[in-house]
Structure formats: structure tokens, C-alpha cells
């Protein structure tokens, strides 16, 4: 880098996907600038439940990419940047009624097709996990998944001192020429031959044609208690249905009960089409509380100390957008992960770094990554052309 603000690569967005991409670019020997409007993990990555979950992913490309990313995350946790961030733990899927039971059957078939990275250990009633309540008719115990708070993963990726951190800095515009892209930050300009935009909900500001929309989720956190009673997250099968069904017609509210290392519980979350992180309401939280307490009765002895909303970047067809921006040869997009970014961040960061440096994606991921390309929106391509 010189005093003109020139880098080999510039990453826009210091969430978990952007931080992973910056780390992988630095590992390739490139000088990297990581830019964010507020700071690291300031948006969806900092408000996530941290589940590294294959089970919760939409069947098809996302589930296969999540499986590859889980395996790679484990490797990065052994001797790499995720050593203090990722922790293996069991996970549980519970359900009541025929719709959720059918979703659980579909999950078992999906895991069988994905190999042995995540395995079904037990399939039964509430007795599979002592402490569950009358809201559980069927319970699956899975092994192989893990937990990785977004802020911890971002901190791990940013441990590489070769990444220049630039925040708070809002991107006002991008100017692409034959040889480089100039990033206008108002008070300064940066230039690089490659730019990666991992902007989350801010994506439409710079790329207004992309069908990226905000989707909020309400959550609450309890007070502290004795940790360890619940060894892993309890996820309702309604959450699996929400990946493929209109949330407004779900038979029961989706809920995830996540035990924290502090002895607290994080419980969420809804899926609401708005961008207001301050919008929480008692009626919605009450629905979450009722189902959570029916599932894990120990919650009745806890107090709610905080209720909040996290806003995630979603895409109209429920798949992320990863690939060259329409009409660009130097700007790569990595956005729209809507709750899947924590799990996918390791492999997406690696593969986006490969794309940005002109390398082909890993052969076994090539077809699935192609389904995430912006080229799947023909009207967008035509409007840019």
C-alpha cells in the first residue's frame, strides 16, 4: 500500500462474510482494506444466535455449501483464526403436529444425502433430552454441528495484522475503470484492482437493482443462571418450514432456544419484512415466550432482561447473491445470507477470495456457487446491459 490509498483488494462490509473474505485475501499475500460504515460485526453478524447449523439450511445448494463450510470451519478452529470462536456441540430439533413431523422426516432424508458431517444420534420423544416439556412430541438429537458467535468469528478473522481496518466510513460511490475500482468515502478515496461488496442490508444503496431486502427478527435474552442444563440449541421444526413456506401460514411460531456460556438463554426469532431494529412488540414476544417455555420449562424461572430485533439481508428467492456484480469485471458480491452467514462464512470467504483473484472455485462447489450468481436474475442483467 502507498499514501494514495491503494490496495490489492478492498472489502466493503466488516460482518462475518466480509471479515472471512478479507482474511483469506490476506492469506494469499494481498494487501487488503476492510471498510465498514460503523465497525466490525455491527449489524446482523453481531445480533445472530451463532449457530453453525447444516440442519437449518434450505435443501439443495445451501445445505451442501453449509456442509462444506462446517467441515472447513472445524479446520480453521483447530489451528486457525476460529480457534477461540467455534465450539462443537449437539443440536436438537423438536416438533409437535403433522406439519412439523413431516419437516423432521425431510430433515433426516436431507442429512442422509449430505454424508456424515452431521449425524442423527437419536430420534424419539421428549425423553431424548431431560428437561423438555409438554410442547415436545418428537425430538431429534444431532451431532457434528457447533456454535460460533458472529462477533467472535469476526474478531478471529481480524487477528491478521495485514488487514487495514477503515471505519466508521460510509461508501458514497464506486468508480470502475479498466484497471481498478475507486471507492469514494467522502473524506478519502481508496483504489484496488478488485473490490468485494459484503454489504448486507446496505447492498441496494450501491447496487439498487439487486433484489436484496431487509428481514427483521425479534429475540429476547434472559438473566443468568447455572449453565450446562441445555447442552445445545433447541430449534423448532417450524423454523425448517419457514425456510420453504410463507411464515404467515406456519402452524406454530418458529423458535430457537440457545443456551449461552454465561448461563443465559437467547430465544428467537421471527421473520418480518422491514428494516426497523427498534420494532419489538409484546404480542410477538409473548408467542415466542409461550412456545419456548412449553419446550424448555426451566425458562419459566428466568427473567427477560432484554428484547431486541436483528435485521438480516434477505433475497427475493431465498438464496444469497455471490458472484460478479452485473456489468462489472472487478466487483464481486457476497450478500443476502439472511441468518445463514455464520455457517457459510468460512467457505464463502475462501471461495469469494478465489473468485476475486481470478482463481476458479473449488471443483466440488462450482455448480452450487453458480446457483448463487447474480446472473440468475435475467431482468437485472438486461437493465444493466
Protein backbone atom coordinates (compact mmCIF):
# COMPACT_ATOMS: atom_id res chain seq x y z
CA UNK A 1 0.00 0.00 0.00
CA UNK A 2 1.16 3.62 -0.60
CA UNK A 3 -0.08 7.02 0.61
CA UNK A 4 -2.62 7.20 -2.20
CA UNK A 5 -4.80 4.57 -0.52
CA UNK A 6 -4.09 1.82 -2.99
CA UNK A 7 -4.55 -1.82 -2.09
CA UNK A 8 -4.62 -5.16 -3.84
CA UNK A 9 -8.19 -5.68 -2.65
CA UNK A 10 -10.88 -3.74 -0.80
CA UNK A 11 -13.66 -5.49 1.11
CA UNK A 12 -16.80 -3.48 1.87
CA UNK A 13 -18.59 -4.70 4.99
CA UNK A 14 -16.99 -5.98 8.22
CA UNK A 15 -19.58 -8.61 9.03
CA UNK A 16 -18.60 -12.25 9.26
CA UNK A 17 -18.60 -12.86 5.48
CA UNK A 18 -16.60 -9.71 4.75
CA UNK A 19 -14.11 -10.44 7.53
CA UNK A 20 -13.65 -14.01 6.33
CA UNK A 21 -13.04 -12.79 2.78
CA UNK A 22 -10.50 -10.21 3.98
CA UNK A 23 -8.65 -12.88 5.98
CA UNK A 24 -8.49 -15.24 3.03
CA UNK A 25 -7.24 -12.48 0.73
CA UNK A 26 -4.53 -11.58 3.26
CA UNK A 27 -3.53 -15.23 3.48
CA UNK A 28 -2.99 -15.12 -0.28
CA UNK A 29 -0.44 -12.34 0.26
CA UNK A 30 -2.62 -9.41 -0.87
CA UNK A 31 -2.78 -6.03 0.82
CA UNK A 32 -6.37 -5.69 2.00
CA UNK A 33 -8.53 -2.85 3.28
CA UNK A 34 -11.72 -3.72 5.17
CA UNK A 35 -14.26 -0.88 5.20
CA UNK A 36 -17.42 -0.56 7.30
CA UNK A 37 -19.91 2.20 7.99
CA UNK A 38 -19.87 1.50 11.74
CA UNK A 39 -17.42 -1.19 12.75
CA UNK A 40 -16.89 -4.97 12.94
CA UNK A 41 -19.98 -7.15 13.42
CA UNK A 42 -22.10 -4.04 13.92
CA UNK A 43 -25.18 -5.38 12.11
CA UNK A 44 -26.57 -8.89 11.54
CA UNK A 45 -23.35 -10.71 12.49
CA UNK A 46 -23.44 -9.17 15.95
CA UNK A 47 -27.12 -9.98 16.53
CA UNK A 48 -27.04 -13.63 15.43
CA UNK A 49 -27.50 -16.73 17.55
CA UNK A 50 -24.17 -18.08 16.32
CA UNK A 51 -25.41 -21.49 15.20
CA UNK A 52 -23.16 -23.30 12.74
CA UNK A 53 -26.06 -25.40 11.52
CA UNK A 54 -26.49 -27.55 8.45
CA UNK A 55 -29.86 -28.81 9.64
CA UNK A 56 -31.47 -25.38 9.39
CA UNK A 57 -30.37 -24.73 5.81
CA UNK A 58 -32.68 -24.82 2.83
CA UNK A 59 -32.29 -28.15 0.96
CA UNK A 60 -30.15 -28.04 -2.16
CA UNK A 61 -27.17 -25.77 -2.80
CA UNK A 62 -27.33 -24.01 0.58
CA UNK A 63 -27.33 -27.27 2.54
CA UNK A 64 -24.41 -28.64 0.50
CA UNK A 65 -22.40 -25.41 0.85
CA UNK A 66 -23.18 -25.34 4.58
CA UNK A 67 -21.85 -28.88 4.94
CA UNK A 68 -18.61 -27.93 3.20
CA UNK A 69 -18.35 -24.81 5.33
CA UNK A 70 -18.93 -26.72 8.57
CA UNK A 71 -16.05 -29.06 7.73
CA UNK A 72 -13.82 -26.11 6.80
CA UNK A 73 -14.84 -24.18 9.94
CA UNK A 74 -13.68 -27.11 12.05
CA UNK A 75 -10.30 -26.97 10.28
CA UNK A 76 -9.96 -23.23 10.88
CA UNK A 77 -10.82 -23.82 14.54
CA UNK A 78 -8.00 -26.32 15.03
CA UNK A 79 -5.04 -24.06 14.32
CA UNK A 80 -6.50 -21.05 12.52
CA UNK A 81 -8.42 -17.84 13.20
CA UNK A 82 -11.53 -19.55 14.60
CA UNK A 83 -9.74 -21.34 17.45
CA UNK A 84 -11.42 -19.16 20.09
CA UNK A 85 -14.70 -18.67 18.22
CA UNK A 86 -16.01 -22.10 17.18
CA UNK A 87 -17.11 -24.75 19.65
CA UNK A 88 -18.69 -28.11 18.73
CA UNK A 89 -21.93 -29.01 20.47
CA UNK A 90 -25.02 -31.17 19.89
CA UNK A 91 -28.17 -29.65 18.44
CA UNK A 92 -31.82 -30.59 18.83
CA UNK A 93 -34.83 -30.29 16.53
CA UNK A 94 -38.25 -30.60 18.13
CA UNK A 95 -41.76 -30.65 16.78
CA UNK A 96 -45.45 -31.02 17.51
CA UNK A 97 -48.13 -31.96 14.98
CA UNK A 98 -48.06 -33.47 11.48
CA UNK A 99 -46.54 -30.48 9.65
CA UNK A 100 -43.51 -30.32 11.90
CA UNK A 101 -43.17 -34.11 11.96
CA UNK A 102 -43.06 -34.11 8.15
CA UNK A 103 -40.38 -31.41 8.23
CA UNK A 104 -38.32 -33.58 10.57
CA UNK A 105 -38.65 -36.57 8.26
CA UNK A 106 -37.45 -34.37 5.38
CA UNK A 107 -34.50 -33.24 7.51
CA UNK A 108 -33.41 -36.81 8.18
CA UNK A 109 -33.52 -37.57 4.44
CA UNK A 110 -31.53 -34.39 3.73
CA UNK A 111 -28.81 -35.29 6.24
CA UNK A 112 -28.55 -38.81 4.81
CA UNK A 113 -27.92 -37.32 1.36
CA UNK A 114 -25.28 -34.89 2.66
CA UNK A 115 -22.95 -37.51 4.14
CA UNK A 116 -21.71 -37.86 7.70
CA UNK A 117 -20.65 -34.32 8.66
CA UNK A 118 -23.86 -34.07 10.69
CA UNK A 119 -25.41 -37.25 12.03
CA UNK A 120 -28.71 -38.19 13.59
CA UNK A 121 -27.91 -39.61 17.00
CA UNK A 122 -31.39 -40.16 18.43
CA UNK A 123 -34.98 -39.82 17.23
CA UNK A 124 -37.70 -40.02 19.88
CA UNK A 125 -39.93 -38.12 22.26
CA UNK A 126 -39.19 -35.61 24.99
CA UNK A 127 -37.19 -38.24 26.88
CA UNK A 128 -34.31 -37.82 24.44
CA UNK A 129 -33.34 -34.68 26.37
CA UNK A 130 -34.17 -34.47 30.09
CA UNK A 131 -35.84 -31.19 30.94
CA UNK A 132 -38.00 -30.82 27.86
CA UNK A 133 -41.69 -30.20 28.38
CA UNK A 134 -45.16 -30.96 27.01
CA UNK A 135 -44.58 -28.82 23.94
CA UNK A 136 -42.35 -31.58 22.54
CA UNK A 137 -43.88 -34.59 20.80
CA UNK A 138 -40.81 -35.58 18.80
CA UNK A 139 -37.15 -34.71 19.29
CA UNK A 140 -34.08 -35.30 17.13
CA UNK A 141 -30.56 -35.12 18.55
CA UNK A 142 -27.86 -34.27 16.01
CA UNK A 143 -24.09 -34.43 16.39
CA UNK A 144 -21.47 -32.59 14.37
CA UNK A 145 -22.80 -29.03 14.45
CA UNK A 146 -21.45 -26.19 16.57
CA UNK A 147 -21.69 -22.68 17.91
CA UNK A 148 -19.75 -19.59 16.77
CA UNK A 149 -20.87 -16.11 17.87
CA UNK A 150 -20.57 -13.71 14.96
CA UNK A 151 -18.56 -11.13 16.88
CA UNK A 152 -16.07 -13.82 17.96
CA UNK A 153 -15.64 -15.10 14.41
CA UNK A 154 -15.09 -11.58 13.10
CA UNK A 155 -12.52 -10.92 15.84
CA UNK A 156 -10.72 -14.12 14.85
CA UNK A 157 -10.54 -13.18 11.19
CA UNK A 158 -9.37 -9.67 12.07
CA UNK A 159 -6.47 -11.06 14.10
CA UNK A 160 -4.42 -10.90 10.88
CA UNK A 161 -2.50 -7.60 11.19
CA UNK A 162 -2.18 -7.31 7.42
CA UNK A 163 -5.83 -6.26 7.14
CA UNK A 164 -6.20 -2.47 7.21
CA UNK A 165 -9.30 -1.54 9.19
CA UNK A 166 -11.18 1.53 7.97
CA UNK A 167 -14.26 2.55 10.00
CA UNK A 168 -16.51 4.32 10.52
CA UNK A 169 -16.54 5.10 6.80
CA UNK A 170 -19.60 5.18 4.59
CA UNK A 171 -19.15 4.28 0.91
CA UNK A 172 -20.56 7.08 -1.25
CA UNK A 173 -19.82 5.54 -4.64
CA UNK A 174 -17.75 3.18 -6.75
CA UNK A 175 -15.97 4.12 -9.98
CA UNK A 176 -14.73 1.19 -12.04
CA UNK A 177 -12.19 1.63 -14.83
CA UNK A 178 -10.30 -0.87 -16.97
CA UNK A 179 -7.61 -1.34 -14.33
CA UNK A 180 -9.14 -0.61 -10.93
CA UNK A 181 -12.09 0.38 -8.78
CA UNK A 182 -12.07 3.62 -6.80
CA UNK A 183 -14.05 3.63 -3.56
CA UNK A 184 -15.30 7.08 -2.57
CA UNK A 185 -15.51 7.51 1.21
CA UNK A 186 -16.01 11.26 1.08
CA UNK A 187 -13.03 12.19 3.24
CA UNK A 188 -10.73 9.83 1.34
CA UNK A 189 -10.57 7.56 -1.68
CA UNK A 190 -9.28 4.04 -1.92
CA UNK A 191 -8.29 2.18 -5.06
CA UNK A 192 -7.79 -1.50 -5.85
CA UNK A 193 -7.99 -3.80 -8.88
CA UNK A 194 -10.65 -5.85 -7.06
CA UNK A 195 -13.49 -4.94 -4.67
CA UNK A 196 -15.71 -7.33 -2.72
CA UNK A 197 -19.08 -5.96 -1.57
CA UNK A 198 -20.32 -7.85 1.50
CA UNK A 199 -22.69 -5.06 2.48
CA UNK A 200 -25.72 -6.93 3.79
CA UNK A 201 -28.81 -4.73 4.03
CA UNK A 202 -26.84 -1.75 2.66
CA UNK A 203 -26.33 -3.52 -0.69
CA UNK A 204 -29.17 -1.70 -2.57
CA UNK A 205 -27.58 1.67 -1.80
CA UNK A 206 -24.73 0.91 -4.20
CA UNK A 207 -26.49 -1.75 -6.28
CA UNK A 208 -30.12 -0.60 -6.48
CA UNK A 209 -31.21 -3.25 -8.96
CA UNK A 210 -30.40 -6.21 -6.73
CA UNK A 211 -33.43 -7.84 -5.03
CA UNK A 212 -31.91 -7.62 -1.54
CA UNK A 213 -34.40 -6.73 1.18
CA UNK A 214 -34.23 -6.35 4.95
CA UNK A 215 -35.83 -9.01 7.11
CA UNK A 216 -36.04 -8.45 10.85
CA UNK A 217 -36.29 -10.95 13.67
CA UNK A 218 -37.30 -10.34 17.26
CA UNK A 219 -35.33 -12.03 20.04
CA UNK A 220 -35.01 -11.89 23.81
CA UNK A 221 -32.31 -12.69 26.36
CA UNK A 222 -32.86 -13.99 29.88
CA UNK A 223 -30.96 -13.33 33.08
CA UNK A 224 -28.12 -15.60 34.17
CA UNK A 225 -28.44 -18.99 35.76
CA UNK A 226 -26.48 -22.18 36.11
CA UNK A 227 -25.06 -23.06 32.67
CA UNK A 228 -24.98 -26.57 31.27
CA UNK A 229 -28.54 -27.85 31.69
CA UNK A 230 -29.21 -27.48 27.96
CA UNK A 231 -26.14 -28.70 26.04
CA UNK A 232 -27.12 -27.28 22.63
CA UNK A 233 -29.67 -25.22 20.77
CA UNK A 234 -33.30 -26.39 20.68
CA UNK A 235 -34.81 -25.50 17.30
CA UNK A 236 -38.43 -25.99 16.37
CA UNK A 237 -39.22 -27.80 13.14
CA UNK A 238 -41.37 -24.77 12.29
CA UNK A 239 -38.06 -23.00 11.69
CA UNK A 240 -37.28 -25.55 8.97
CA UNK A 241 -40.71 -24.94 7.45
CA UNK A 242 -40.07 -21.20 7.47
CA UNK A 243 -37.21 -21.74 5.01
CA UNK A 244 -39.61 -23.02 2.38
CA UNK A 245 -43.06 -21.78 3.50
CA UNK A 246 -44.70 -18.41 3.98
CA UNK A 247 -44.05 -17.65 7.70
CA UNK A 248 -47.57 -16.21 7.99
CA UNK A 249 -49.13 -19.65 7.47
CA UNK A 250 -46.92 -21.70 9.80
CA UNK A 251 -48.87 -23.89 12.24
CA UNK A 252 -46.69 -22.90 15.23
CA UNK A 253 -44.29 -19.97 15.72
CA UNK A 254 -40.66 -20.84 14.87
CA UNK A 255 -38.47 -20.67 17.94
CA UNK A 256 -34.82 -21.35 18.75
CA UNK A 257 -33.69 -21.68 22.37
CA UNK A 258 -29.95 -21.11 22.52
CA UNK A 259 -28.02 -21.65 25.79
CA UNK A 260 -25.19 -19.14 26.21
CA UNK A 261 -21.93 -19.76 28.05
CA UNK A 262 -22.98 -17.08 30.55
CA UNK A 263 -25.88 -19.22 31.76
CA UNK A 264 -28.37 -17.06 29.89
CA UNK A 265 -30.76 -18.10 27.13
CA UNK A 266 -31.13 -16.35 23.79
CA UNK A 267 -34.57 -17.04 22.31
CA UNK A 268 -35.77 -16.06 18.86
CA UNK A 269 -36.77 -15.33 16.25
CA UNK A 270 -39.39 -14.01 13.89
CA UNK A 271 -39.09 -13.25 10.17
CA UNK A 272 -40.55 -9.82 9.41
CA UNK A 273 -40.19 -7.83 6.19
CA UNK A 274 -38.97 -4.49 7.49
CA UNK A 275 -35.69 -2.79 8.42
CA UNK A 276 -36.52 -1.32 11.83
CA UNK A 277 -34.21 -2.74 14.54
CA UNK A 278 -36.23 -0.94 17.24
CA UNK A 279 -39.55 -2.63 16.42
CA UNK A 280 -40.36 -5.14 19.13
CA UNK A 281 -43.87 -5.84 20.39
CA UNK A 282 -45.24 -7.73 23.35
CA UNK A 283 -47.71 -9.88 21.39
CA UNK A 284 -44.95 -11.34 19.20
CA UNK A 285 -42.55 -11.83 22.08
CA UNK A 286 -45.33 -13.46 24.08
CA UNK A 287 -45.80 -16.08 21.34
CA UNK A 288 -42.08 -16.84 21.42
CA UNK A 289 -42.09 -17.00 25.22
CA UNK A 290 -45.07 -19.35 25.40
CA UNK A 291 -43.66 -21.87 22.95
CA UNK A 292 -40.17 -21.61 24.42
CA UNK A 293 -41.48 -22.27 27.95
CA UNK A 294 -43.61 -25.20 26.73
CA UNK A 295 -40.47 -26.67 25.21
CA UNK A 296 -37.97 -25.89 27.97
CA UNK A 297 -39.91 -25.28 31.22
CA UNK A 298 -36.80 -24.07 33.08
CA UNK A 299 -37.32 -20.79 31.25
CA UNK A 300 -40.31 -20.05 33.48
CA UNK A 301 -37.91 -19.36 36.33
CA UNK A 302 -35.96 -16.78 34.31
CA UNK A 303 -36.50 -13.08 33.76
CA UNK A 304 -36.28 -11.43 30.35
CA UNK A 305 -33.66 -8.71 30.62
CA UNK A 306 -33.55 -7.57 27.01
CA UNK A 307 -35.72 -7.76 23.91
CA UNK A 308 -34.40 -6.58 20.56
CA UNK A 309 -34.58 -7.05 16.81
CA UNK A 310 -31.81 -8.03 14.41
CA UNK A 311 -32.10 -7.07 10.76
CA UNK A 312 -30.77 -9.51 8.16
CA UNK A 313 -30.26 -9.17 4.42
CA UNK A 314 -32.60 -11.47 2.50
CA UNK A 315 -33.03 -12.10 -1.22
CA UNK A 316 -36.32 -12.46 -3.06
CA UNK A 317 -35.67 -16.12 -3.95
CA UNK A 318 -34.19 -17.02 -0.52
CA UNK A 319 -30.69 -17.67 -1.88
CA UNK A 320 -27.63 -15.44 -1.26
CA UNK A 321 -26.02 -13.48 -4.08
CA UNK A 322 -22.40 -14.43 -4.72
CA UNK A 323 -20.51 -13.52 -7.89
CA UNK A 324 -19.54 -10.66 -10.17
CA UNK A 325 -21.81 -7.62 -9.93
CA UNK A 326 -23.92 -7.04 -13.07
CA UNK A 327 -21.91 -5.19 -15.72
CA UNK A 328 -18.69 -5.38 -13.67
CA UNK A 329 -15.43 -7.22 -14.17
CA UNK A 330 -13.85 -6.21 -10.85
CA UNK A 331 -16.59 -6.05 -8.20
CA UNK A 332 -17.66 -9.30 -6.55
CA UNK A 333 -20.84 -9.50 -4.48
CA UNK A 334 -21.33 -11.60 -1.35
CA UNK A 335 -24.62 -10.63 0.22
CA UNK A 336 -28.14 -11.71 1.20
CA UNK A 337 -27.32 -14.55 3.61
CA UNK A 338 -30.31 -13.97 5.94
CA UNK A 339 -29.26 -15.89 9.00
CA UNK A 340 -27.04 -18.33 7.11
CA UNK A 341 -23.91 -16.16 7.08
CA UNK A 342 -22.35 -17.53 10.27
CA UNK A 343 -22.32 -21.10 8.99
CA UNK A 344 -21.42 -20.22 5.39
CA UNK A 345 -18.81 -17.57 6.17
CA UNK A 346 -15.74 -19.80 6.14
CA UNK A 347 -16.27 -21.40 2.75
CA UNK A 348 -17.83 -18.32 1.13
CA UNK A 349 -14.94 -16.14 2.28
CA UNK A 350 -12.47 -18.63 0.84
CA UNK A 351 -14.29 -19.02 -2.47
CA UNK A 352 -15.00 -15.31 -2.95
CA UNK A 353 -11.31 -14.60 -2.36
CA UNK A 354 -10.52 -17.15 -5.07
CA UNK A 355 -13.02 -15.55 -7.46
CA UNK A 356 -11.64 -12.07 -6.82
CA UNK A 357 -8.08 -13.18 -7.57
CA UNK A 358 -9.04 -14.93 -10.81
CA UNK A 359 -8.91 -18.48 -9.48
CA UNK A 360 -11.65 -21.00 -10.20
CA UNK A 361 -13.85 -22.04 -7.26
CA UNK A 362 -13.28 -25.44 -5.72
CA UNK A 363 -14.44 -28.03 -8.25
CA UNK A 364 -16.88 -29.74 -5.88
CA UNK A 365 -18.57 -26.41 -5.09
CA UNK A 366 -18.62 -24.97 -8.60
CA UNK A 367 -22.20 -25.92 -9.52
CA UNK A 368 -23.70 -24.84 -6.19
CA UNK A 369 -21.86 -21.50 -6.22
CA UNK A 370 -23.11 -20.91 -9.77
CA UNK A 371 -26.71 -21.04 -8.49
CA UNK A 372 -25.92 -18.03 -6.26
CA UNK A 373 -24.69 -15.86 -9.13
CA UNK A 374 -26.43 -12.53 -9.86
CA UNK A 375 -26.81 -13.88 -13.40
CA UNK A 376 -29.88 -15.80 -12.21
CA UNK A 377 -31.85 -12.54 -12.40
CA UNK A 378 -32.29 -12.05 -16.20
CA UNK A 379 -34.23 -8.78 -15.87
CA UNK A 380 -31.40 -7.32 -13.82
CA UNK A 381 -28.83 -8.31 -16.44
CA UNK A 382 -30.93 -6.75 -19.19
CA UNK A 383 -31.39 -3.49 -17.30
CA UNK A 384 -27.65 -3.16 -16.76
CA UNK A 385 -26.85 -4.01 -20.37
